[in-house]
N, C-alpha and C. Protein backbone atom coordinates (compact mmCIF):
# COMPACT_ATOMS: atom_id res chain seq x y z
N MET A 1 -19.11 18.16 -1.91
CA MET A 1 -17.70 17.54 -1.29
C MET A 1 -17.23 16.32 -2.08
N GLU A 2 -15.20 16.47 -2.49
CA GLU A 2 -14.79 15.46 -2.93
C GLU A 2 -14.62 13.89 -2.34
N SER A 3 -14.46 13.00 -3.31
CA SER A 3 -14.79 11.85 -1.99
C SER A 3 -12.90 11.81 -1.75
N GLU A 4 -12.09 11.22 -0.59
CA GLU A 4 -11.27 11.27 0.31
C GLU A 4 -10.52 10.15 -1.43
N ALA A 5 -10.67 9.76 -2.25
CA ALA A 5 -10.25 8.53 -2.98
C ALA A 5 -9.95 9.28 -3.88
N THR A 6 -10.53 10.72 -4.25
CA THR A 6 -10.59 11.59 -5.01
C THR A 6 -9.29 12.55 -4.43
N VAL A 7 -9.25 13.23 -3.71
CA VAL A 7 -8.26 14.03 -3.06
C VAL A 7 -7.01 12.58 -3.31
N VAL A 8 -6.48 11.69 -3.14
CA VAL A 8 -5.85 11.39 -3.06
C VAL A 8 -4.81 10.67 -4.78
N ASP A 9 -5.60 10.49 -5.15
CA ASP A 9 -5.80 9.97 -7.09
C ASP A 9 -5.28 12.07 -7.51
N LYS A 10 -6.34 12.64 -6.69
CA LYS A 10 -5.07 13.99 -7.59
C LYS A 10 -4.45 14.57 -6.57
N LEU A 11 -3.67 14.44 -5.61
CA LEU A 11 -2.03 14.23 -5.20
C LEU A 11 -1.76 13.62 -5.11
N LYS A 12 -1.60 12.20 -6.47
CA LYS A 12 -0.82 11.65 -6.95
C LYS A 12 -0.51 12.37 -8.07
N GLY A 13 -1.66 12.53 -9.34
CA GLY A 13 -1.65 12.94 -10.25
C GLY A 13 -0.06 14.72 -9.67
N LEU A 14 -0.33 14.90 -9.21
CA LEU A 14 -0.09 16.48 -8.98
C LEU A 14 2.26 16.23 -8.67
N GLY A 15 2.18 14.87 -7.70
CA GLY A 15 3.09 14.29 -7.66
C GLY A 15 4.54 13.62 -8.63
N LYS A 16 3.35 13.47 -9.59
CA LYS A 16 3.72 12.77 -10.71
C LYS A 16 4.19 13.84 -12.37
N SER A 17 2.85 14.85 -11.69
CA SER A 17 3.68 16.56 -12.88
C SER A 17 4.66 16.81 -12.20
N MET A 18 5.06 16.60 -10.91
CA MET A 18 5.91 17.57 -10.59
C MET A 18 7.16 16.82 -11.27
N LEU A 19 7.67 15.43 -10.47
CA LEU A 19 8.63 14.70 -10.72
C LEU A 19 8.53 14.68 -13.08
N ASN A 20 7.68 15.07 -13.76
CA ASN A 20 7.53 14.55 -14.66
C ASN A 20 8.58 16.24 -14.94
N LEU A 21 7.93 17.23 -14.85
CA LEU A 21 8.56 18.49 -14.68
C LEU A 21 10.27 18.36 -14.64
N ASN A 22 10.63 18.11 -13.75
CA ASN A 22 11.84 18.64 -12.67
C ASN A 22 12.48 17.42 -13.83
N HIS A 23 12.05 16.18 -14.26
CA HIS A 23 12.91 15.22 -15.42
C HIS A 23 12.93 15.47 -16.78
N CYS A 24 11.56 16.49 -16.95
CA CYS A 24 11.03 16.32 -18.53
C CYS A 24 11.04 15.52 -19.32
N ASN A 25 10.75 15.08 -18.77
CA ASN A 25 10.88 13.45 -19.15
C ASN A 25 10.18 13.33 -20.74
N PRO A 26 11.68 12.73 -21.88
CA PRO A 26 11.78 13.67 -23.62
C PRO A 26 10.46 11.81 -23.69
N ILE A 27 10.75 10.51 -22.62
CA ILE A 27 9.53 9.67 -22.95
C ILE A 27 7.77 9.95 -23.52
N ASN A 28 8.18 11.05 -22.47
CA ASN A 28 6.18 11.56 -21.97
C ASN A 28 5.77 12.12 -23.30
N LYS A 29 7.59 13.21 -24.17
CA LYS A 29 6.70 13.81 -25.37
C LYS A 29 5.66 14.78 -25.12
N ARG A 30 5.39 15.13 -23.88
CA ARG A 30 5.56 16.79 -23.20
C ARG A 30 6.07 17.66 -22.57
N SER A 31 5.00 18.53 -22.81
CA SER A 31 5.53 20.06 -22.80
C SER A 31 6.04 20.81 -21.47
N LYS A 32 7.28 21.29 -21.09
CA LYS A 32 7.04 22.13 -20.02
C LYS A 32 6.13 22.92 -19.64
N GLU A 33 5.51 23.19 -20.95
CA GLU A 33 4.31 24.58 -20.01
C GLU A 33 3.17 23.30 -20.56
N ASP A 34 2.96 22.51 -20.55
CA ASP A 34 1.14 21.04 -20.26
C ASP A 34 1.96 21.26 -19.43
N LEU A 35 2.74 20.63 -18.85
CA LEU A 35 2.76 19.85 -17.09
C LEU A 35 2.62 21.34 -16.54
N GLN A 36 3.43 22.78 -17.00
CA GLN A 36 2.76 23.15 -15.69
C GLN A 36 1.42 23.52 -15.37
N PHE A 37 1.35 23.50 -16.90
CA PHE A 37 -0.98 23.77 -16.67
C PHE A 37 -1.33 22.84 -16.15
N GLU A 38 -0.67 21.33 -16.40
CA GLU A 38 -1.61 20.56 -15.49
C GLU A 38 -1.65 20.55 -13.60
N MET A 39 -0.23 21.01 -13.24
CA MET A 39 0.35 21.43 -11.85
C MET A 39 -1.20 22.32 -11.96
N ILE A 40 -1.29 23.82 -12.12
CA ILE A 40 -2.53 24.85 -11.98
C ILE A 40 -2.89 24.05 -10.94
N LEU A 41 -4.30 23.28 -12.20
CA LEU A 41 -5.09 22.87 -12.13
C LEU A 41 -5.16 21.76 -10.57
N HIS A 42 -4.13 21.44 -10.76
CA HIS A 42 -4.22 19.98 -9.68
C HIS A 42 -4.03 20.62 -8.20
N PHE A 43 -3.74 21.66 -8.61
CA PHE A 43 -3.42 23.15 -7.61
C PHE A 43 -4.07 23.64 -6.84
N ARG A 44 -5.07 24.07 -7.83
CA ARG A 44 -6.48 24.51 -7.84
C ARG A 44 -7.45 23.71 -7.83
N PHE A 45 -6.91 22.61 -7.86
CA PHE A 45 -8.30 20.98 -7.15
C PHE A 45 -8.27 21.33 -5.68
N LEU A 46 -6.62 21.16 -5.38
CA LEU A 46 -6.16 21.09 -3.53
C LEU A 46 -6.50 22.32 -3.17
N LEU A 47 -6.88 23.25 -3.94
CA LEU A 47 -7.57 24.62 -2.80
C LEU A 47 -8.60 24.80 -2.76
N LYS A 48 -9.72 24.38 -4.02
CA LYS A 48 -10.64 24.25 -3.17
C LYS A 48 -11.89 23.25 -2.24
N VAL A 49 -10.16 22.13 -2.46
CA VAL A 49 -10.76 20.59 -1.30
C VAL A 49 -10.38 21.43 0.21
N ILE A 50 -9.40 22.07 0.34
CA ILE A 50 -9.17 23.02 1.73
C ILE A 50 -9.64 23.48 2.27
N GLU A 51 -10.14 24.47 1.15
CA GLU A 51 -11.64 25.24 1.22
C GLU A 51 -12.87 24.76 1.89
N SER A 52 -12.97 23.74 1.59
CA SER A 52 -14.58 23.12 2.03
C SER A 52 -14.37 22.71 3.43
N PHE A 53 -13.41 22.48 3.82
CA PHE A 53 -12.80 21.86 5.40
C PHE A 53 -13.86 23.17 5.97
């Protein structure tokens, strides 16, 4: 089971990915596909955490 801090970090990462995806931040130099893939990884992690309860 993941620690609470790890879960919080992942949620923050997911939030950042969603914001970046919405704004397509040119400073970031990351493609929309990269950000979508990152979000999928965060969602998968969160699903695993939820299922572990």
